[in-house]
Amino acid sequence: MRLLVLGGTGFVGGATVAEGVRRGWAVTVFNRGLHGATPEGVRRLRGDRTAPDGLTALADGKWDLVVDTWDGAPRAAGGTARALVDRVDSYVYVSSCSVYAPPVAPGAGEEAPMVDAEPDADDGDYAPNKAGGERAVREVFGERAVIARAGLILGPGEDIGRLPWWLTRIARGGDVLAPGPADLPSQYVDVRDLAGWMLDRGAQRQGGTFNTVSRTGHATMGELLDACVAATGADARLRWTDPESLLAAGVVPWNDLPVWIPAGHEYRWLQELGVERAYAAGLTCRPISETVADTWAWLRQVGTVPPRAGRPQRAPVGLDPDREAALLSAALRTG
């Protein structure tokens, strides 16, 4: 198989390239050449899809499938798709579950209403960019387009820092503020499972739109944090704290305490999406213990969360130590 990855040095793109190489495929990446490296044997083409004549390097060549990780202007996604439409069999666009327009009902499937977005829009916010990118790619490739609406993505290479924050915090040991309840179901996808599924789906030349994330409850918050304790071997004590007191103290779910979105929260749907279509199309998800252990091994090797390839940095996630200590102290006084 001949695989073209647009991007290829960031979190999802890097995992997709690595999976293609592991399969023995002929892998090409197209990017600006400003970030990261690629495995030996991968062909690297240079170009900037936002610049005039920026797709010149893609003027020749044919591929069985393309995986596009772009989250910038939808206009650029459409332009790239049009440049490749006659030389590619299947186009996989990495989208996001953020495309759904709030309020979103728990269990929502791929037919749920989306945010307003235009396929020829210039760069905007993340959700409209992804929604517009979907439209742009579908307008060109039609039924040959695979739209992978990923949810929370974890695993080695993570450039947001959600799981790395928990691992780093727990590795310091001591009392750790753990957002309850411990049996709160979570929903995520290991980046390697996402990459493998996208390559399988693209190789089958069967398009469609999919919420590409695990079933709700594939792991709980307790299982996630217990796996972090086990992987790091730290002398850490999880101090489970009820969500009401954390919310009353101004703790922001997802950002201050990554992954955690308590029941009843307006964004809880991000952990309760309908995924029957993706599972019917072959999605499988590895155990949380494997994702956590492999992420810790990677993090110890690289030392810190890498910058996001080609896009502005997001605000750091996770509580700072002083604020966590104050919250723990308050919880212990009232517990």
C-alpha atoms as a PDB file:
ATOM      1  CA  MET A   1       0.000   0.000   0.000  1.00  0.00           C
ATOM      2  CA  ARG A   2       1.101   3.540  -0.762  1.00  0.00           C
ATOM      3  CA  LEU A   3       0.308   5.922   2.107  1.00  0.00           C
ATOM      4  CA  LEU A   4       0.521   9.712   2.081  1.00  0.00           C
ATOM      5  CA  VAL A   5       0.293  11.462   5.454  1.00  0.00           C
ATOM      6  CA  LEU A   6      -0.351  15.200   5.370  1.00  0.00           C
ATOM      7  CA  GLY A   7       1.496  16.356   8.456  1.00  0.00           C
ATOM      8  CA  GLY A   8       3.178  13.276   9.801  1.00  0.00           C
ATOM      9  CA  THR A   9       5.393  14.612  12.589  1.00  0.00           C
ATOM     10  CA  GLY A  10       2.802  15.518  15.237  1.00  0.00           C
ATOM     11  CA  PHE A  11       0.884  13.299  17.640  1.00  0.00           C
ATOM     12  CA  VAL A  12      -1.668  11.591  15.382  1.00  0.00           C
ATOM     13  CA  GLY A  13       0.356  12.016  12.211  1.00  0.00           C
ATOM     14  CA  GLY A  14       3.448  10.517  13.783  1.00  0.00           C
ATOM     15  CA  ALA A  15       1.532   7.491  15.048  1.00  0.00           C
ATOM     16  CA  THR A  16      -0.012   7.018  11.601  1.00  0.00           C
ATOM     17  CA  VAL A  17       3.385   7.133   9.899  1.00  0.00           C
ATOM     18  CA  ALA A  18       4.798   4.661  12.424  1.00  0.00           C
ATOM     19  CA  GLU A  19       1.900   2.268  11.838  1.00  0.00           C
ATOM     20  CA  GLY A  20       2.313   2.486   8.080  1.00  0.00           C
ATOM     21  CA  VAL A  21       6.017   1.701   8.401  1.00  0.00           C
ATOM     22  CA  ARG A  22       5.259  -1.182  10.760  1.00  0.00           C
ATOM     23  CA  ARG A  23       2.976  -2.654   8.094  1.00  0.00           C
ATOM     24  CA  GLY A  24       5.694  -2.429   5.476  1.00  0.00           C
ATOM     25  CA  TRP A  25       3.821   0.162   3.405  1.00  0.00           C
ATOM     26  CA  ALA A  26       5.476   2.784   1.199  1.00  0.00           C
ATOM     27  CA  VAL A  27       5.008   5.938   3.292  1.00  0.00           C
ATOM     28  CA  THR A  28       5.304   9.547   2.173  1.00  0.00           C
ATOM     29  CA  VAL A  29       4.774  12.610   4.352  1.00  0.00           C
ATOM     30  CA  PHE A  30       4.007  16.139   3.195  1.00  0.00           C
ATOM     31  CA  ASN A  31       4.672  19.060   5.538  1.00  0.00           C
ATOM     32  CA  ARG A  32       6.672  22.253   5.904  1.00  0.00           C
ATOM     33  CA  GLY A  33       9.679  20.423   7.292  1.00  0.00           C
ATOM     34  CA  LEU A  34       9.865  22.629  10.387  1.00  0.00           C
ATOM     35  CA  HIS A  35       9.054  20.098  13.105  1.00  0.00           C
ATOM     36  CA  GLY A  36      10.060  16.610  14.098  1.00  0.00           C
ATOM     37  CA  ALA A  37      11.585  13.753  12.191  1.00  0.00           C
ATOM     38  CA  THR A  38      10.351  10.726  10.300  1.00  0.00           C
ATOM     39  CA  PRO A  39      11.403   7.074  10.470  1.00  0.00           C
ATOM     40  CA  GLU A  40      14.071   5.775   8.145  1.00  0.00           C
ATOM     41  CA  GLY A  41      12.725   4.941   4.703  1.00  0.00           C
ATOM     42  CA  VAL A  42       9.885   7.478   4.788  1.00  0.00           C
ATOM     43  CA  ARG A  43       9.824   9.870   1.845  1.00  0.00           C
ATOM     44  CA  ARG A  44       9.420  13.475   2.957  1.00  0.00           C
ATOM     45  CA  LEU A  45       7.953  16.155   0.683  1.00  0.00           C
ATOM     46  CA  ARG A  46       8.112  19.838   1.582  1.00  0.00           C
ATOM     47  CA  GLY A  47       5.321  22.328   1.121  1.00  0.00           C
ATOM     48  CA  ASP A  48       2.965  24.787   2.818  1.00  0.00           C
ATOM     49  CA  ARG A  49      -0.648  24.309   1.793  1.00  0.00           C
ATOM     50  CA  THR A  50      -1.497  27.880   2.855  1.00  0.00           C
ATOM     51  CA  ALA A  51       1.034  29.447   0.485  1.00  0.00           C
ATOM     52  CA  PRO A  52       0.718  30.141  -3.247  1.00  0.00           C
ATOM     53  CA  ASP A  53       2.021  27.113  -5.126  1.00  0.00           C
ATOM     54  CA  GLY A  54       2.454  25.436  -1.750  1.00  0.00           C
ATOM     55  CA  LEU A  55       1.250  22.071  -3.096  1.00  0.00           C
ATOM     56  CA  THR A  56       3.822  21.842  -5.879  1.00  0.00           C
ATOM     57  CA  ALA A  57       5.565  18.900  -4.233  1.00  0.00           C
ATOM     58  CA  LEU A  58       2.305  16.921  -4.549  1.00  0.00           C
ATOM     59  CA  ALA A  59       1.939  17.554  -8.269  1.00  0.00           C
ATOM     60  CA  ASP A  60       3.201  14.075  -9.148  1.00  0.00           C
ATOM     61  CA  GLY A  61       2.640  10.680  -7.589  1.00  0.00           C
ATOM     62  CA  LYS A  62      -0.214   8.347  -6.791  1.00  0.00           C
ATOM     63  CA  TRP A  63      -1.263   6.905  -3.447  1.00  0.00           C
ATOM     64  CA  ASP A  64      -3.764   4.324  -2.272  1.00  0.00           C
ATOM     65  CA  LEU A  65      -4.822   6.480   0.657  1.00  0.00           C
ATOM     66  CA  VAL A  66      -4.168   9.804   2.306  1.00  0.00           C
ATOM     67  CA  VAL A  67      -4.462  10.617   6.014  1.00  0.00           C
ATOM     68  CA  ASP A  68      -4.897  14.331   6.659  1.00  0.00           C
ATOM     69  CA  THR A  69      -4.403  15.701  10.197  1.00  0.00           C
ATOM     70  CA  TRP A  70      -5.033  19.350   9.272  1.00  0.00           C
ATOM     71  CA  ASP A  71      -6.895  21.542  11.772  1.00  0.00           C
ATOM     72  CA  GLY A  72      -6.387  24.916  10.113  1.00  0.00           C
ATOM     73  CA  ALA A  73      -8.424  26.739   7.488  1.00  0.00           C
ATOM     74  CA  PRO A  74     -11.051  24.555   5.766  1.00  0.00           C
ATOM     75  CA  ARG A  75     -10.164  26.281   2.495  1.00  0.00           C
ATOM     76  CA  ALA A  76      -6.705  24.683   2.660  1.00  0.00           C
ATOM     77  CA  ALA A  77      -8.171  21.241   3.339  1.00  0.00           C
ATOM     78  CA  GLY A  78     -10.385  21.546   0.286  1.00  0.00           C
ATOM     79  CA  GLY A  79      -7.559  22.774  -1.895  1.00  0.00           C
ATOM     80  CA  THR A  80      -5.388  19.823  -0.942  1.00  0.00           C
ATOM     81  CA  ALA A  81      -8.215  17.371  -1.564  1.00  0.00           C
ATOM     82  CA  ARG A  82      -8.829  18.822  -5.030  1.00  0.00           C
ATOM     83  CA  ALA A  83      -5.123  18.585  -5.852  1.00  0.00           C
ATOM     84  CA  LEU A  84      -5.137  14.858  -5.020  1.00  0.00           C
ATOM     85  CA  VAL A  85      -8.590  13.704  -6.087  1.00  0.00           C
ATOM     86  CA  ASP A  86      -7.501  12.008  -9.321  1.00  0.00           C
ATOM     87  CA  ARG A  87      -4.436  10.339  -7.803  1.00  0.00           C
ATOM     88  CA  VAL A  88      -5.732   8.961  -4.502  1.00  0.00           C
ATOM     89  CA  ASP A  89      -8.243   6.189  -3.884  1.00  0.00           C
ATOM     90  CA  SER A  90      -9.290   7.047  -0.310  1.00  0.00           C
ATOM     91  CA  TYR A  91      -9.006  10.230   1.741  1.00  0.00           C
ATOM     92  CA  VAL A  92      -9.052   9.929   5.568  1.00  0.00           C
ATOM     93  CA  TYR A  93      -9.632  13.217   7.369  1.00  0.00           C
ATOM     94  CA  VAL A  94      -8.862  13.332  11.084  1.00  0.00           C
ATOM     95  CA  SER A  95     -11.699  15.382  12.524  1.00  0.00           C
ATOM     96  CA  SER A  96     -12.935  15.794  16.087  1.00  0.00           C
ATOM     97  CA  CYS A  97     -16.025  15.224  18.182  1.00  0.00           C
ATOM     98  CA  SER A  98     -15.772  18.947  18.933  1.00  0.00           C
ATOM     99  CA  VAL A  99     -17.682  19.540  15.679  1.00  0.00           C
ATOM    100  CA  TYR A 100     -21.016  18.873  17.418  1.00  0.00           C
ATOM    101  CA  ALA A 101     -23.123  21.907  18.242  1.00  0.00           C
ATOM    102  CA  PRO A 102     -23.987  22.266  21.935  1.00  0.00           C
ATOM    103  CA  PRO A 103     -26.037  21.243  23.724  1.00  0.00           C
ATOM    104  CA  VAL A 104     -25.161  17.674  22.775  1.00  0.00           C
ATOM    105  CA  ALA A 105     -27.232  14.789  24.140  1.00  0.00           C
ATOM    106  CA  PRO A 106     -25.352  11.927  25.828  1.00  0.00           C
ATOM    107  CA  GLY A 107     -25.011   9.018  23.445  1.00  0.00           C
ATOM    108  CA  ALA A 108     -25.132  11.291  20.400  1.00  0.00           C
ATOM    109  CA  GLY A 109     -24.157   9.655  17.147  1.00  0.00           C
ATOM    110  CA  GLU A 110     -22.695  10.964  13.937  1.00  0.00           C
ATOM    111  CA  GLU A 111     -26.016  12.437  12.826  1.00  0.00           C
ATOM    112  CA  ALA A 112     -26.040  15.032  15.655  1.00  0.00           C
ATOM    113  CA  PRO A 113     -26.133  18.704  14.548  1.00  0.00           C
ATOM    114  CA  MET A 114     -22.754  20.310  13.892  1.00  0.00           C
ATOM    115  CA  VAL A 115     -21.405  23.793  14.505  1.00  0.00           C
ATOM    116  CA  ASP A 116     -21.809  26.256  11.652  1.00  0.00           C
ATOM    117  CA  ALA A 117     -18.880  26.007   9.276  1.00  0.00           C
ATOM    118  CA  GLU A 118     -18.088  26.689   5.644  1.00  0.00           C
ATOM    119  CA  PRO A 119     -15.789  24.561   3.486  1.00  0.00           C
ATOM    120  CA  ASP A 120     -14.068  27.621   2.005  1.00  0.00           C
ATOM    121  CA  ALA A 121     -13.577  29.488   5.299  1.00  0.00           C
ATOM    122  CA  ASP A 122     -10.256  30.969   6.321  1.00  0.00           C
ATOM    123  CA  ASP A 123      -8.619  29.970   9.595  1.00  0.00           C
ATOM    124  CA  GLY A 124     -10.893  30.196  12.645  1.00  0.00           C
ATOM    125  CA  ASP A 125     -11.580  28.369  15.897  1.00  0.00           C
ATOM    126  CA  TYR A 126     -10.853  24.674  16.248  1.00  0.00           C
ATOM    127  CA  ALA A 127     -14.407  23.304  16.015  1.00  0.00           C
ATOM    128  CA  PRO A 128     -15.467  25.288  12.919  1.00  0.00           C
ATOM    129  CA  ASN A 129     -12.124  24.496  11.299  1.00  0.00           C
ATOM    130  CA  LYS A 130     -12.667  20.773  11.729  1.00  0.00           C
ATOM    131  CA  ALA A 131     -16.332  20.928  10.708  1.00  0.00           C
ATOM    132  CA  GLY A 132     -15.490  23.005   7.655  1.00  0.00           C
ATOM    133  CA  GLY A 133     -12.601  20.687   6.824  1.00  0.00           C
ATOM    134  CA  GLU A 134     -14.998  17.740   6.857  1.00  0.00           C
ATOM    135  CA  ARG A 135     -17.306  19.487   4.430  1.00  0.00           C
ATOM    136  CA  ALA A 136     -14.450  20.483   2.155  1.00  0.00           C
ATOM    137  CA  VAL A 137     -13.075  16.944   1.941  1.00  0.00           C
ATOM    138  CA  ARG A 138     -16.508  15.350   1.424  1.00  0.00           C
ATOM    139  CA  GLU A 139     -17.348  17.809  -1.363  1.00  0.00           C
ATOM    140  CA  VAL A 140     -14.305  16.554  -3.276  1.00  0.00           C
ATOM    141  CA  PHE A 141     -14.073  12.849  -2.385  1.00  0.00           C
ATOM    142  CA  GLY A 142     -17.713  12.032  -1.643  1.00  0.00           C
ATOM    143  CA  GLU A 143     -18.130   8.386  -0.622  1.00  0.00           C
ATOM    144  CA  ARG A 144     -14.374   7.867  -0.800  1.00  0.00           C
ATOM    145  CA  ALA A 145     -13.895  10.150   2.215  1.00  0.00           C
ATOM    146  CA  VAL A 146     -13.411   8.665   5.688  1.00  0.00           C
ATOM    147  CA  ILE A 147     -14.157  11.199   8.434  1.00  0.00           C
ATOM    148  CA  ALA A 148     -12.670  10.063  11.753  1.00  0.00           C
ATOM    149  CA  ARG A 149     -14.194  12.180  14.516  1.00  0.00           C
ATOM    150  CA  ALA A 150     -11.728  11.418  17.272  1.00  0.00           C
ATOM    151  CA  GLY A 151     -12.570  12.054  20.893  1.00  0.00           C
ATOM    152  CA  LEU A 152      -9.993  12.281  23.672  1.00  0.00           C
ATOM    153  CA  ILE A 153      -6.733  10.902  22.252  1.00  0.00           C
ATOM    154  CA  LEU A 154      -4.136   9.478  24.638  1.00  0.00           C
ATOM    155  CA  GLY A 155      -0.899   7.577  24.224  1.00  0.00           C
ATOM    156  CA  PRO A 156       2.798   8.028  23.471  1.00  0.00           C
ATOM    157  CA  GLY A 157       3.579  11.285  21.702  1.00  0.00           C
ATOM    158  CA  GLU A 158       0.711  13.270  23.233  1.00  0.00           C
ATOM    159  CA  ASP A 159       1.317  16.969  22.640  1.00  0.00           C
ATOM    160  CA  ILE A 160      -1.500  18.382  24.768  1.00  0.00           C
ATOM    161  CA  GLY A 161      -0.222  16.883  28.008  1.00  0.00           C
ATOM    162  CA  ARG A 162      -3.323  15.458  29.666  1.00  0.00           C
ATOM    163  CA  LEU A 163      -2.083  11.968  30.500  1.00  0.00           C
ATOM    164  CA  PRO A 164       1.521  13.217  30.865  1.00  0.00           C
ATOM    165  CA  TRP A 165       0.320  15.668  33.509  1.00  0.00           C
ATOM    166  CA  TRP A 166      -1.243  12.899  35.557  1.00  0.00           C
ATOM    167  CA  LEU A 167       1.829  10.707  35.190  1.00  0.00           C
ATOM    168  CA  THR A 168       4.210  13.491  36.154  1.00  0.00           C
ATOM    169  CA  ARG A 169       2.067  14.511  39.101  1.00  0.00           C
ATOM    170  CA  ILE A 170       1.683  10.986  40.437  1.00  0.00           C
ATOM    171  CA  ALA A 171       5.396  10.311  39.935  1.00  0.00           C
ATOM    172  CA  ARG A 172       6.109  13.088  42.483  1.00  0.00           C
ATOM    173  CA  GLY A 173       4.305  10.980  45.060  1.00  0.00           C
ATOM    174  CA  GLY A 174       2.490  12.032  48.203  1.00  0.00           C
ATOM    175  CA  ASP A 175      -1.184  12.893  48.456  1.00  0.00           C
ATOM    176  CA  VAL A 176      -2.733  13.351  45.014  1.00  0.00           C
ATOM    177  CA  LEU A 177      -6.029  15.150  44.482  1.00  0.00           C
ATOM    178  CA  ALA A 178      -8.171  12.592  42.651  1.00  0.00           C
ATOM    179  CA  PRO A 179     -11.470  13.852  41.221  1.00  0.00           C
ATOM    180  CA  GLY A 180     -14.324  11.575  42.112  1.00  0.00           C
ATOM    181  CA  PRO A 181     -16.106   9.407  41.817  1.00  0.00           C
ATOM    182  CA  ALA A 182     -13.502   6.717  41.184  1.00  0.00           C
ATOM    183  CA  ASP A 183     -15.984   4.715  39.114  1.00  0.00           C
ATOM    184  CA  LEU A 184     -16.719   7.638  36.749  1.00  0.00           C
ATOM    185  CA  PRO A 185     -16.663   6.169  33.201  1.00  0.00           C
ATOM    186  CA  SER A 186     -14.301   7.751  30.692  1.00  0.00           C
ATOM    187  CA  GLN A 187     -14.108   7.595  26.908  1.00  0.00           C
ATOM    188  CA  TYR A 188     -10.893   7.961  24.914  1.00  0.00           C
ATOM    189  CA  VAL A 189      -8.842   6.339  22.167  1.00  0.00           C
ATOM    190  CA  ASP A 190      -5.189   5.314  22.165  1.00  0.00           C
ATOM    191  CA  VAL A 191      -3.501   7.129  19.292  1.00  0.00           C
ATOM    192  CA  ARG A 192      -2.108   3.834  17.964  1.00  0.00           C
ATOM    193  CA  ASP A 193      -5.576   2.272  17.872  1.00  0.00           C
ATOM    194  CA  LEU A 194      -6.878   5.351  16.054  1.00  0.00           C
ATOM    195  CA  ALA A 195      -4.030   5.177  13.522  1.00  0.00           C
ATOM    196  CA  GLY A 196      -4.499   1.469  12.886  1.00  0.00           C
ATOM    197  CA  TRP A 197      -8.235   1.837  12.415  1.00  0.00           C
ATOM    198  CA  MET A 198      -7.809   4.732   9.976  1.00  0.00           C
ATOM    199  CA  LEU A 199      -5.363   2.785   7.851  1.00  0.00           C
ATOM    200  CA  ASP A 200      -7.623  -0.272   7.868  1.00  0.00           C
ATOM    201  CA  ARG A 201     -10.650   1.772   6.878  1.00  0.00           C
ATOM    202  CA  GLY A 202      -8.814   3.696   4.186  1.00  0.00           C
ATOM    203  CA  ALA A 203      -7.315   0.530   2.709  1.00  0.00           C
ATOM    204  CA  GLN A 204     -10.811  -0.974   2.470  1.00  0.00           C
ATOM    205  CA  ARG A 205     -11.886   2.018   0.339  1.00  0.00           C
ATOM    206  CA  GLN A 206     -15.073   2.371   2.359  1.00  0.00           C
ATOM    207  CA  GLY A 207     -15.957   5.914   3.335  1.00  0.00           C
ATOM    208  CA  GLY A 208     -18.218   7.297   6.026  1.00  0.00           C
ATOM    209  CA  THR A 209     -18.228   9.372   9.184  1.00  0.00           C
ATOM    210  CA  PHE A 210     -17.376   7.810  12.551  1.00  0.00           C
ATOM    211  CA  ASN A 211     -17.045   8.802  16.203  1.00  0.00           C
ATOM    212  CA  THR A 212     -13.655   7.148  16.565  1.00  0.00           C
ATOM    213  CA  VAL A 213     -13.274   6.669  20.297  1.00  0.00           C
ATOM    214  CA  SER A 214     -13.765   3.897  22.858  1.00  0.00           C
ATOM    215  CA  ARG A 215     -17.030   2.932  24.404  1.00  0.00           C
ATOM    216  CA  THR A 216     -17.927   4.914  27.509  1.00  0.00           C
ATOM    217  CA  GLY A 217     -16.497   3.057  30.488  1.00  0.00           C
ATOM    218  CA  HIS A 218     -13.650   1.408  28.595  1.00  0.00           C
ATOM    219  CA  ALA A 219     -11.838   2.734  31.669  1.00  0.00           C
ATOM    220  CA  THR A 220     -12.877   4.666  34.758  1.00  0.00           C
ATOM    221  CA  MET A 221     -11.062   7.549  36.433  1.00  0.00           C
ATOM    222  CA  GLY A 222     -10.051   5.122  39.149  1.00  0.00           C
ATOM    223  CA  GLU A 223      -8.603   2.658  36.671  1.00  0.00           C
ATOM    224  CA  LEU A 224      -6.764   5.442  34.864  1.00  0.00           C
ATOM    225  CA  LEU A 225      -5.144   6.840  38.001  1.00  0.00           C
ATOM    226  CA  ASP A 226      -4.410   3.395  39.445  1.00  0.00           C
ATOM    227  CA  ALA A 227      -2.619   2.601  36.177  1.00  0.00           C
ATOM    228  CA  CYS A 228      -0.571   5.785  36.599  1.00  0.00           C
ATOM    229  CA  VAL A 229       0.455   4.730  40.112  1.00  0.00           C
ATOM    230  CA  ALA A 230       1.406   1.274  38.862  1.00  0.00           C
ATOM    231  CA  ALA A 231       3.348   2.547  35.847  1.00  0.00           C
ATOM    232  CA  THR A 232       5.372   5.129  37.768  1.00  0.00           C
ATOM    233  CA  GLY A 233       5.909   2.958  40.862  1.00  0.00           C
ATOM    234  CA  ALA A 234       5.442   6.107  42.911  1.00  0.00           C
ATOM    235  CA  ASP A 235       4.555   6.341  46.598  1.00  0.00           C
ATOM    236  CA  ALA A 236       1.401   8.238  45.741  1.00  0.00           C
ATOM    237  CA  ARG A 237      -1.857   8.218  47.686  1.00  0.00           C
ATOM    238  CA  LEU A 238      -4.994   9.015  45.685  1.00  0.00           C
ATOM    239  CA  ARG A 239      -7.272  11.245  47.772  1.00  0.00           C
ATOM    240  CA  TRP A 240     -10.667  10.892  46.123  1.00  0.00           C
ATOM    241  CA  THR A 241     -12.676  14.072  46.391  1.00  0.00           C
ATOM    242  CA  ASP A 242     -16.353  14.528  45.576  1.00  0.00           C
ATOM    243  CA  PRO A 243     -17.050  16.517  42.417  1.00  0.00           C
ATOM    244  CA  GLU A 244     -19.402  18.998  44.093  1.00  0.00           C
ATOM    245  CA  SER A 245     -16.678  20.391  46.351  1.00  0.00           C
ATOM    246  CA  LEU A 246     -14.208  20.616  43.470  1.00  0.00           C
ATOM    247  CA  LEU A 247     -16.667  22.482  41.267  1.00  0.00           C
ATOM    248  CA  ALA A 248     -17.599  24.795  44.142  1.00  0.00           C
ATOM    249  CA  ALA A 249     -13.901  25.612  44.541  1.00  0.00           C
ATOM    250  CA  GLY A 250     -13.696  26.674  40.901  1.00  0.00           C
ATOM    251  CA  VAL A 251     -11.887  23.619  39.540  1.00  0.00           C
ATOM    252  CA  VAL A 252     -12.412  23.437  35.764  1.00  0.00           C
ATOM    253  CA  PRO A 253     -13.059  19.892  34.521  1.00  0.00           C
ATOM    254  CA  TRP A 254     -10.934  18.718  31.576  1.00  0.00           C
ATOM    255  CA  ASN A 255      -8.417  21.561  32.016  1.00  0.00           C
ATOM    256  CA  ASP A 256      -7.505  21.787  35.725  1.00  0.00           C
ATOM    257  CA  LEU A 257      -7.879  18.036  36.231  1.00  0.00           C
ATOM    258  CA  PRO A 258      -7.365  16.502  32.767  1.00  0.00           C
ATOM    259  CA  VAL A 259      -9.694  13.815  31.383  1.00  0.00           C
ATOM    260  CA  TRP A 260     -12.199  14.322  34.230  1.00  0.00           C
ATOM    261  CA  ILE A 261     -15.704  15.525  33.302  1.00  0.00           C
ATOM    262  CA  PRO A 262     -18.195  14.803  36.108  1.00  0.00           C
ATOM    263  CA  ALA A 263     -21.750  13.636  35.644  1.00  0.00           C
ATOM    264  CA  GLY A 264     -24.158  16.477  34.953  1.00  0.00           C
ATOM    265  CA  HIS A 265     -21.507  18.811  33.572  1.00  0.00           C
ATOM    266  CA  GLU A 266     -22.386  20.606  30.320  1.00  0.00           C
ATOM    267  CA  TYR A 267     -19.506  18.868  28.514  1.00  0.00           C
ATOM    268  CA  ARG A 268     -20.107  15.417  29.930  1.00  0.00           C
ATOM    269  CA  TRP A 269     -21.261  14.329  26.468  1.00  0.00           C
ATOM    270  CA  LEU A 270     -17.587  14.322  25.428  1.00  0.00           C
ATOM    271  CA  GLN A 271     -17.282  11.144  27.491  1.00  0.00           C
ATOM    272  CA  GLU A 272     -20.586   9.616  26.388  1.00  0.00           C
ATOM    273  CA  LEU A 273     -20.682   9.643  22.588  1.00  0.00           C
ATOM    274  CA  GLY A 274     -22.292   6.901  20.530  1.00  0.00           C
ATOM    275  CA  VAL A 275     -19.612   4.727  18.910  1.00  0.00           C
ATOM    276  CA  GLU A 276     -21.521   1.778  17.488  1.00  0.00           C
ATOM    277  CA  ARG A 277     -20.662   2.718  13.913  1.00  0.00           C
ATOM    278  CA  ALA A 278     -16.884   2.776  14.527  1.00  0.00           C
ATOM    279  CA  TYR A 279     -16.915  -0.512  16.416  1.00  0.00           C
ATOM    280  CA  ALA A 280     -18.955  -2.125  13.644  1.00  0.00           C
ATOM    281  CA  ALA A 281     -16.256  -0.885  11.264  1.00  0.00           C
ATOM    282  CA  GLY A 282     -13.539  -2.675  13.216  1.00  0.00           C
ATOM    283  CA  LEU A 283     -12.360  -0.268  15.924  1.00  0.00           C
ATOM    284  CA  THR A 284     -10.671  -2.027  18.850  1.00  0.00           C
ATOM    285  CA  CYS A 285      -9.201  -0.357  21.929  1.00  0.00           C
ATOM    286  CA  ARG A 286      -6.348  -1.660  24.054  1.00  0.00           C
ATOM    287  CA  PRO A 287      -6.456  -1.719  27.880  1.00  0.00           C
ATOM    288  CA  ILE A 288      -5.827   1.524  29.756  1.00  0.00           C
ATOM    289  CA  SER A 289      -2.900  -0.094  31.572  1.00  0.00           C
ATOM    290  CA  GLU A 290      -1.051  -0.503  28.267  1.00  0.00           C
ATOM    291  CA  THR A 291      -1.732   3.058  27.149  1.00  0.00           C
ATOM    292  CA  VAL A 292      -0.545   4.459  30.477  1.00  0.00           C
ATOM    293  CA  ALA A 293       2.566   2.288  30.769  1.00  0.00           C
ATOM    294  CA  ASP A 294       3.673   3.032  27.210  1.00  0.00           C
ATOM    295  CA  THR A 295       3.048   6.760  27.652  1.00  0.00           C
ATOM    296  CA  TRP A 296       5.162   6.786  30.816  1.00  0.00           C
ATOM    297  CA  ALA A 297       7.985   4.940  29.059  1.00  0.00           C
ATOM    298  CA  TRP A 298       7.862   7.457  26.194  1.00  0.00           C
ATOM    299  CA  LEU A 299       7.685  10.456  28.554  1.00  0.00           C
ATOM    300  CA  ARG A 300      10.751   9.310  30.480  1.00  0.00           C
ATOM    301  CA  GLN A 301      12.603   8.998  27.191  1.00  0.00           C
ATOM    302  CA  VAL A 302      11.708  12.441  25.777  1.00  0.00           C
ATOM    303  CA  GLY A 303      11.642  14.289  29.109  1.00  0.00           C
ATOM    304  CA  THR A 304       8.796  16.692  28.378  1.00  0.00           C
ATOM    305  CA  VAL A 305       5.637  17.083  26.322  1.00  0.00           C
ATOM    306  CA  PRO A 306       6.636  18.102  22.770  1.00  0.00           C
ATOM    307  CA  PRO A 307       5.346  21.255  21.087  1.00  0.00           C
ATOM    308  CA  ARG A 308       2.413  20.927  18.733  1.00  0.00           C
ATOM    309  CA  ALA A 309       3.708  20.503  15.213  1.00  0.00           C
ATOM    310  CA  GLY A 310       2.733  23.393  13.000  1.00  0.00           C
ATOM    311  CA  ARG A 311       0.074  24.959  15.229  1.00  0.00           C
ATOM    312  CA  PRO A 312       0.038  27.448  18.144  1.00  0.00           C
ATOM    313  CA  GLN A 313       0.587  26.040  21.607  1.00  0.00           C
ATOM    314  CA  ARG A 314      -2.465  25.510  23.776  1.00  0.00           C
ATOM    315  CA  ALA A 315      -2.664  26.697  27.373  1.00  0.00           C
ATOM    316  CA  PRO A 316      -1.034  24.248  29.807  1.00  0.00           C
ATOM    317  CA  VAL A 317      -3.331  21.735  31.472  1.00  0.00           C
ATOM    318  CA  GLY A 318      -3.379  20.635  35.100  1.00  0.00           C
ATOM    319  CA  LEU A 319      -3.360  22.296  38.498  1.00  0.00           C
ATOM    320  CA  ASP A 320      -0.183  23.923  39.750  1.00  0.00           C
ATOM    321  CA  PRO A 321       1.220  22.367  42.964  1.00  0.00           C
ATOM    322  CA  ASP A 322       0.199  25.226  45.277  1.00  0.00           C
ATOM    323  CA  ARG A 323      -3.408  25.188  44.179  1.00  0.00           C
ATOM    324  CA  GLU A 324      -3.605  21.416  44.414  1.00  0.00           C
ATOM    325  CA  ALA A 325      -2.165  21.571  47.951  1.00  0.00           C
ATOM    326  CA  ALA A 326      -4.791  24.138  48.979  1.00  0.00           C
ATOM    327  CA  LEU A 327      -7.602  22.035  47.529  1.00  0.00           C
ATOM    328  CA  LEU A 328      -6.289  18.916  49.252  1.00  0.00           C
ATOM    329  CA  SER A 329      -6.076  20.756  52.552  1.00  0.00           C
ATOM    330  CA  ALA A 330      -9.653  21.957  52.218  1.00  0.00           C
ATOM    331  CA  ALA A 331     -10.858  18.491  51.280  1.00  0.00           C
ATOM    332  CA  LEU A 332      -9.130  16.885  54.259  1.00  0.00           C
ATOM    333  CA  ARG A 333     -10.636  19.454  56.646  1.00  0.00           C
ATOM    334  CA  THR A 334     -14.167  18.774  55.414  1.00  0.00           C
ATOM    335  CA  GLY A 335     -13.754  15.068  54.677  1.00  0.00           C
END
